[in-house]
């Protein structure tokens, strides 16, 4: 089952962070059609947020066609976002773990690692377009 977390510094509304995390889990194959999402009560307890925030996120997931509520039972994933590239995730994940180890060994903190990754990612995306 997915465990949500919030980044209060991100500027992204909490409900949207929950939606993004579900979408990410679906793309990575961590959630599949039929899987149950945590109950609103469980998410509220884990994140210390308003129940309406969780309800808003789950409603958004329903609107996107990614989840469906079953009254009295819970909210369930209705489709996956994973594709054929999912098989490549394992080796790529291992490469990324090795890179992260090198970055930490070089003395980079978490924020610096994220900044470096985003910078390289964005610049390589621009190079592909050019």
N, C-alpha and C. Protein backbone atom coordinates (compact mmCIF):
# COMPACT_ATOMS: atom_id res chain seq x y z
N UNK A 1 0.85 -1.18 0.00
CA UNK A 1 0.00 0.00 0.00
C UNK A 1 0.90 1.24 0.00
N UNK A 2 0.45 2.25 -0.67
CA UNK A 2 1.21 3.50 -0.79
C UNK A 2 1.21 4.25 0.54
N UNK A 3 2.34 4.87 0.85
CA UNK A 3 2.45 5.73 2.02
C UNK A 3 2.72 7.15 1.53
N UNK A 4 1.82 8.05 1.83
CA UNK A 4 1.94 9.43 1.36
C UNK A 4 2.88 10.22 2.27
N UNK A 5 3.48 11.25 1.70
CA UNK A 5 4.29 12.20 2.46
C UNK A 5 4.05 13.58 1.86
N UNK A 6 4.25 14.60 2.67
CA UNK A 6 4.06 15.97 2.20
C UNK A 6 5.36 16.75 2.29
N UNK A 7 5.56 17.60 1.30
CA UNK A 7 6.68 18.53 1.31
C UNK A 7 6.07 19.91 1.47
N UNK A 8 6.07 20.42 2.67
CA UNK A 8 5.43 21.70 2.96
C UNK A 8 6.16 22.88 2.34
N UNK A 9 7.41 22.65 1.91
CA UNK A 9 8.20 23.73 1.30
C UNK A 9 8.00 23.81 -0.22
N UNK A 10 7.33 22.83 -0.80
CA UNK A 10 7.26 22.75 -2.26
C UNK A 10 6.36 23.80 -2.90
N UNK A 11 5.41 24.32 -2.15
CA UNK A 11 4.46 25.27 -2.74
C UNK A 11 3.31 24.57 -3.45
N UNK A 12 3.35 23.24 -3.52
CA UNK A 12 2.29 22.47 -4.16
C UNK A 12 1.24 22.16 -3.09
N UNK A 13 -0.03 22.42 -3.38
CA UNK A 13 -1.07 22.13 -2.39
C UNK A 13 -1.04 20.66 -1.95
N UNK A 14 -1.31 20.40 -0.68
CA UNK A 14 -1.26 19.02 -0.18
C UNK A 14 -2.13 18.04 -0.98
N UNK A 15 -3.32 18.44 -1.37
CA UNK A 15 -4.17 17.51 -2.12
C UNK A 15 -3.51 17.14 -3.44
N UNK A 16 -2.84 18.11 -4.07
CA UNK A 16 -2.18 17.86 -5.34
C UNK A 16 -0.96 16.95 -5.16
N UNK A 17 -0.27 17.07 -4.03
CA UNK A 17 0.85 16.19 -3.75
C UNK A 17 0.38 14.74 -3.64
N UNK A 18 -0.77 14.53 -3.01
CA UNK A 18 -1.34 13.18 -2.90
C UNK A 18 -1.66 12.65 -4.30
N UNK A 19 -2.28 13.46 -5.13
CA UNK A 19 -2.61 13.05 -6.51
C UNK A 19 -1.33 12.70 -7.27
N UNK A 20 -0.32 13.56 -7.16
CA UNK A 20 0.95 13.33 -7.87
C UNK A 20 1.61 12.03 -7.41
N UNK A 21 1.53 11.75 -6.11
CA UNK A 21 2.16 10.54 -5.59
C UNK A 21 1.44 9.28 -6.08
N UNK A 22 0.12 9.35 -6.20
CA UNK A 22 -0.62 8.21 -6.74
C UNK A 22 -0.27 8.02 -8.21
N UNK A 23 -0.24 9.11 -8.96
CA UNK A 23 0.11 9.02 -10.39
C UNK A 23 1.53 8.45 -10.57
N UNK A 24 2.46 8.89 -9.74
CA UNK A 24 3.83 8.39 -9.80
C UNK A 24 3.86 6.88 -9.51
N UNK A 25 3.15 6.47 -8.47
CA UNK A 25 3.10 5.04 -8.11
C UNK A 25 2.47 4.22 -9.24
N UNK A 26 1.50 4.78 -9.93
CA UNK A 26 0.88 4.08 -11.05
C UNK A 26 1.84 3.96 -12.23
N UNK A 27 2.59 5.01 -12.51
CA UNK A 27 3.57 4.97 -13.61
C UNK A 27 4.69 3.98 -13.33
N UNK A 28 5.08 3.88 -12.07
CA UNK A 28 6.19 2.99 -11.69
C UNK A 28 5.73 1.56 -11.43
N UNK A 29 4.45 1.31 -11.54
CA UNK A 29 3.94 -0.04 -11.31
C UNK A 29 3.85 -0.42 -9.84
N UNK A 30 3.95 0.58 -8.96
CA UNK A 30 3.85 0.31 -7.52
C UNK A 30 2.40 0.15 -7.08
N UNK A 31 1.49 0.71 -7.87
CA UNK A 31 0.06 0.53 -7.66
C UNK A 31 -0.52 -0.01 -8.97
N UNK A 32 -1.49 -0.89 -8.85
CA UNK A 32 -2.13 -1.47 -10.02
C UNK A 32 -3.63 -1.41 -9.86
N UNK A 33 -4.34 -1.60 -10.96
CA UNK A 33 -5.80 -1.64 -10.92
C UNK A 33 -6.24 -2.66 -9.89
N UNK A 34 -7.20 -2.26 -9.06
CA UNK A 34 -7.72 -3.13 -8.01
C UNK A 34 -7.11 -2.88 -6.65
N UNK A 35 -5.95 -2.23 -6.60
CA UNK A 35 -5.32 -1.93 -5.31
C UNK A 35 -6.15 -0.90 -4.55
N UNK A 36 -6.21 -1.05 -3.25
CA UNK A 36 -6.94 -0.11 -2.41
C UNK A 36 -6.01 0.99 -1.93
N UNK A 37 -6.48 2.22 -2.02
CA UNK A 37 -5.74 3.35 -1.47
C UNK A 37 -6.00 3.40 0.03
N UNK A 38 -5.10 4.01 0.79
CA UNK A 38 -5.36 4.15 2.23
C UNK A 38 -6.67 4.89 2.47
N UNK A 39 -7.32 4.57 3.56
CA UNK A 39 -8.57 5.27 3.88
C UNK A 39 -8.26 6.72 4.20
N UNK A 40 -9.28 7.55 4.10
CA UNK A 40 -9.12 8.96 4.44
C UNK A 40 -8.61 9.08 5.87
N UNK A 41 -9.17 8.29 6.75
CA UNK A 41 -8.76 8.32 8.16
C UNK A 41 -7.28 7.98 8.32
N UNK A 42 -6.79 6.98 7.58
CA UNK A 42 -5.39 6.59 7.66
C UNK A 42 -4.47 7.71 7.16
N UNK A 43 -4.87 8.36 6.05
CA UNK A 43 -4.05 9.43 5.50
C UNK A 43 -4.03 10.63 6.44
N UNK A 44 -5.18 10.96 7.00
CA UNK A 44 -5.27 12.07 7.95
C UNK A 44 -4.35 11.81 9.15
N UNK A 45 -4.37 10.60 9.66
CA UNK A 45 -3.54 10.25 10.81
C UNK A 45 -2.05 10.30 10.46
N UNK A 46 -1.69 9.83 9.27
CA UNK A 46 -0.28 9.78 8.87
C UNK A 46 0.29 11.16 8.55
N UNK A 47 -0.53 12.02 7.93
CA UNK A 47 -0.03 13.32 7.46
C UNK A 47 -0.46 14.51 8.31
N UNK A 48 -1.37 14.27 9.24
CA UNK A 48 -1.90 15.36 10.08
C UNK A 48 -2.47 16.48 9.20
N UNK A 49 -3.35 16.10 8.27
CA UNK A 49 -4.01 17.09 7.42
C UNK A 49 -5.52 16.94 7.55
N UNK A 50 -6.22 17.90 7.03
CA UNK A 50 -7.68 17.94 7.09
C UNK A 50 -8.27 16.82 6.22
N UNK A 51 -9.29 16.14 6.71
CA UNK A 51 -9.93 15.09 5.91
C UNK A 51 -10.44 15.60 4.56
N UNK A 52 -10.87 16.85 4.51
CA UNK A 52 -11.36 17.40 3.24
C UNK A 52 -10.25 17.48 2.19
N UNK A 53 -9.02 17.64 2.64
CA UNK A 53 -7.88 17.67 1.72
C UNK A 53 -7.72 16.31 1.05
N UNK A 54 -7.82 15.25 1.83
CA UNK A 54 -7.70 13.89 1.29
C UNK A 54 -8.89 13.59 0.37
N UNK A 55 -10.08 13.99 0.81
CA UNK A 55 -11.27 13.77 -0.02
C UNK A 55 -11.14 14.49 -1.35
N UNK A 56 -10.59 15.70 -1.34
CA UNK A 56 -10.38 16.46 -2.58
C UNK A 56 -9.41 15.72 -3.50
N UNK A 57 -8.35 15.18 -2.94
CA UNK A 57 -7.38 14.42 -3.74
C UNK A 57 -8.03 13.19 -4.35
N UNK A 58 -8.78 12.46 -3.55
CA UNK A 58 -9.42 11.24 -4.04
C UNK A 58 -10.49 11.56 -5.09
N UNK A 59 -11.18 12.68 -4.91
CA UNK A 59 -12.17 13.11 -5.93
C UNK A 59 -11.46 13.44 -7.24
N UNK A 60 -10.30 14.09 -7.14
CA UNK A 60 -9.51 14.42 -8.34
C UNK A 60 -9.07 13.13 -9.04
N UNK A 61 -8.64 12.13 -8.28
CA UNK A 61 -8.24 10.85 -8.87
C UNK A 61 -9.43 10.18 -9.55
N UNK A 62 -10.61 10.31 -8.96
CA UNK A 62 -11.82 9.78 -9.60
C UNK A 62 -12.10 10.53 -10.91
N UNK A 63 -12.00 11.85 -10.86
CA UNK A 63 -12.23 12.68 -12.04
C UNK A 63 -11.27 12.29 -13.18
N UNK A 64 -10.04 11.94 -12.82
CA UNK A 64 -9.03 11.54 -13.80
C UNK A 64 -9.23 10.10 -14.28
N UNK A 65 -10.17 9.41 -13.67
CA UNK A 65 -10.44 8.02 -14.05
C UNK A 65 -9.43 7.03 -13.49
N UNK A 66 -8.70 7.44 -12.47
CA UNK A 66 -7.66 6.59 -11.91
C UNK A 66 -8.10 5.83 -10.66
N UNK A 67 -9.21 6.25 -10.06
CA UNK A 67 -9.69 5.62 -8.83
C UNK A 67 -11.21 5.69 -8.79
N UNK A 68 -11.78 4.83 -7.97
CA UNK A 68 -13.23 4.83 -7.77
C UNK A 68 -13.52 4.51 -6.31
N UNK A 69 -14.44 5.28 -5.75
CA UNK A 69 -14.84 5.05 -4.36
C UNK A 69 -15.93 3.99 -4.32
N UNK A 70 -15.80 3.10 -3.35
CA UNK A 70 -16.84 2.10 -3.10
C UNK A 70 -17.36 2.39 -1.70
N UNK A 71 -18.54 3.01 -1.60
CA UNK A 71 -19.06 3.42 -0.30
C UNK A 71 -19.00 2.30 0.74
N UNK A 72 -18.45 2.65 1.88
CA UNK A 72 -18.35 1.70 2.99
C UNK A 72 -17.19 0.73 2.87
N UNK A 73 -16.50 0.75 1.72
CA UNK A 73 -15.39 -0.19 1.52
C UNK A 73 -14.06 0.54 1.39
N UNK A 74 -14.02 1.57 0.54
CA UNK A 74 -12.80 2.33 0.36
C UNK A 74 -12.67 2.84 -1.07
N UNK A 75 -11.49 3.35 -1.38
CA UNK A 75 -11.19 3.88 -2.71
C UNK A 75 -10.17 2.96 -3.37
N UNK A 76 -10.46 2.60 -4.61
CA UNK A 76 -9.65 1.61 -5.31
C UNK A 76 -9.13 2.16 -6.63
N UNK A 77 -7.92 1.74 -6.99
CA UNK A 77 -7.31 2.12 -8.26
C UNK A 77 -8.09 1.43 -9.37
N UNK A 78 -8.38 2.19 -10.44
CA UNK A 78 -9.15 1.63 -11.54
C UNK A 78 -8.32 1.34 -12.79
N UNK A 79 -7.14 1.98 -12.90
CA UNK A 79 -6.29 1.66 -14.05
C UNK A 79 -4.84 2.00 -13.73
N UNK A 80 -3.96 1.43 -14.53
CA UNK A 80 -2.53 1.64 -14.36
C UNK A 80 -2.05 2.69 -15.34
N UNK A 81 -0.94 3.32 -15.02
CA UNK A 81 -0.29 4.24 -15.95
C UNK A 81 1.06 3.68 -16.41
N UNK A 82 1.38 2.46 -15.95
CA UNK A 82 2.65 1.82 -16.34
C UNK A 82 2.55 1.39 -17.79
N UNK A 83 3.67 1.41 -18.49
CA UNK A 83 3.70 0.97 -19.89
C UNK A 83 4.79 -0.06 -20.10
N UNK A 84 5.10 -0.34 -21.36
CA UNK A 84 6.09 -1.36 -21.67
C UNK A 84 7.47 -1.03 -21.12
N UNK A 85 7.75 0.23 -20.88
CA UNK A 85 9.07 0.62 -20.39
C UNK A 85 9.31 0.18 -18.94
N UNK A 86 8.29 -0.33 -18.29
CA UNK A 86 8.41 -0.73 -16.89
C UNK A 86 9.54 -1.75 -16.68
N UNK A 87 9.79 -2.61 -17.66
CA UNK A 87 10.85 -3.62 -17.54
C UNK A 87 12.23 -2.97 -17.41
N UNK A 88 12.39 -1.78 -17.96
CA UNK A 88 13.69 -1.09 -17.90
C UNK A 88 13.93 -0.43 -16.55
N UNK A 89 12.92 -0.35 -15.72
CA UNK A 89 13.05 0.37 -14.45
C UNK A 89 14.07 -0.26 -13.52
N UNK A 90 14.13 -1.59 -13.45
CA UNK A 90 15.04 -2.26 -12.51
C UNK A 90 16.49 -1.87 -12.72
N UNK A 91 17.03 -2.08 -13.95
CA UNK A 91 18.43 -1.69 -14.18
C UNK A 91 18.66 -0.18 -14.02
N UNK A 92 17.72 0.62 -14.46
CA UNK A 92 17.87 2.07 -14.32
C UNK A 92 17.86 2.48 -12.85
N UNK A 93 17.02 1.83 -12.08
CA UNK A 93 16.97 2.11 -10.64
C UNK A 93 18.31 1.79 -9.99
N UNK A 94 18.92 0.67 -10.37
CA UNK A 94 20.22 0.30 -9.81
C UNK A 94 21.29 1.32 -10.20
N UNK A 95 21.28 1.77 -11.47
CA UNK A 95 22.23 2.79 -11.91
C UNK A 95 22.05 4.08 -11.11
N UNK A 96 20.80 4.45 -10.89
CA UNK A 96 20.51 5.68 -10.15
C UNK A 96 20.95 5.55 -8.69
N UNK A 97 20.75 4.39 -8.10
CA UNK A 97 21.20 4.17 -6.72
C UNK A 97 22.71 4.32 -6.62
N UNK A 98 23.44 3.78 -7.61
CA UNK A 98 24.90 3.92 -7.61
C UNK A 98 25.29 5.39 -7.74
N UNK A 99 24.59 6.12 -8.63
CA UNK A 99 24.87 7.55 -8.81
C UNK A 99 24.62 8.31 -7.51
N UNK A 100 23.51 8.00 -6.83
CA UNK A 100 23.21 8.67 -5.56
C UNK A 100 24.28 8.40 -4.52
N UNK A 101 24.77 7.18 -4.47
CA UNK A 101 25.85 6.85 -3.55
C UNK A 101 27.09 7.69 -3.85
N UNK A 102 27.43 7.82 -5.14
CA UNK A 102 28.57 8.65 -5.53
C UNK A 102 28.36 10.10 -5.13
N UNK A 103 27.14 10.60 -5.34
CA UNK A 103 26.85 11.99 -4.99
C UNK A 103 26.98 12.21 -3.48
N UNK A 104 26.48 11.29 -2.69
CA UNK A 104 26.60 11.40 -1.22
C UNK A 104 28.06 11.29 -0.79
N UNK A 105 28.78 10.35 -1.41
CA UNK A 105 30.21 10.20 -1.09
C UNK A 105 30.99 11.46 -1.44
N UNK A 106 30.52 12.22 -2.43
CA UNK A 106 31.17 13.47 -2.83
C UNK A 106 30.81 14.61 -1.88
N UNK A 107 29.92 14.33 -0.92
CA UNK A 107 29.58 15.33 0.08
C UNK A 107 28.32 16.13 -0.20
N UNK A 108 27.56 15.76 -1.23
CA UNK A 108 26.33 16.49 -1.53
C UNK A 108 25.23 16.11 -0.55
N UNK A 109 24.47 17.11 -0.11
CA UNK A 109 23.31 16.82 0.73
C UNK A 109 22.10 16.56 -0.18
N UNK A 110 20.99 16.19 0.42
CA UNK A 110 19.80 15.81 -0.34
C UNK A 110 19.33 16.94 -1.27
N UNK A 111 19.30 18.16 -0.75
CA UNK A 111 18.83 19.28 -1.55
C UNK A 111 19.76 19.54 -2.74
N UNK A 112 21.06 19.44 -2.52
CA UNK A 112 22.02 19.63 -3.60
C UNK A 112 21.89 18.54 -4.66
N UNK A 113 21.65 17.31 -4.22
CA UNK A 113 21.47 16.20 -5.15
C UNK A 113 20.24 16.46 -6.01
N UNK A 114 19.13 16.85 -5.39
CA UNK A 114 17.90 17.14 -6.14
C UNK A 114 18.12 18.27 -7.12
N UNK A 115 18.79 19.34 -6.69
CA UNK A 115 19.05 20.48 -7.57
C UNK A 115 19.91 20.07 -8.76
N UNK A 116 20.95 19.30 -8.50
CA UNK A 116 21.83 18.84 -9.57
C UNK A 116 21.06 17.97 -10.57
N UNK A 117 20.28 17.05 -10.04
CA UNK A 117 19.51 16.17 -10.92
C UNK A 117 18.55 16.98 -11.79
N UNK A 118 17.81 17.88 -11.17
CA UNK A 118 16.84 18.70 -11.92
C UNK A 118 17.52 19.55 -12.98
N UNK A 119 18.67 20.12 -12.63
CA UNK A 119 19.40 20.94 -13.59
C UNK A 119 19.84 20.12 -14.80
N UNK A 120 20.41 18.95 -14.55
CA UNK A 120 20.87 18.10 -15.64
C UNK A 120 19.68 17.59 -16.44
N UNK A 121 18.62 17.22 -15.75
CA UNK A 121 17.42 16.73 -16.43
C UNK A 121 16.84 17.79 -17.36
N UNK A 122 16.70 19.00 -16.84
CA UNK A 122 16.14 20.09 -17.65
C UNK A 122 17.05 20.44 -18.82
N UNK A 123 18.35 20.49 -18.59
CA UNK A 123 19.25 20.86 -19.69
C UNK A 123 19.30 19.76 -20.74
N UNK A 124 19.21 18.50 -20.34
CA UNK A 124 19.22 17.43 -21.34
C UNK A 124 17.90 17.40 -22.10
N UNK A 125 16.80 17.77 -21.46
CA UNK A 125 15.52 17.85 -22.15
C UNK A 125 15.53 18.95 -23.20
N UNK A 126 16.15 20.07 -22.87
CA UNK A 126 16.25 21.19 -23.83
C UNK A 126 17.14 20.81 -25.00
N UNK A 127 18.22 20.04 -24.73
CA UNK A 127 19.13 19.63 -25.79
C UNK A 127 18.44 18.71 -26.77
N UNK A 128 17.55 17.82 -26.29
CA UNK A 128 16.83 16.91 -27.16
C UNK A 128 15.89 17.65 -28.08
N UNK A 129 15.28 18.73 -27.59
CA UNK A 129 14.33 19.52 -28.37
C UNK A 129 15.07 20.31 -29.46
N UNK A 130 16.27 20.79 -29.13
CA UNK A 130 17.02 21.64 -30.07
C UNK A 130 17.55 20.88 -31.26
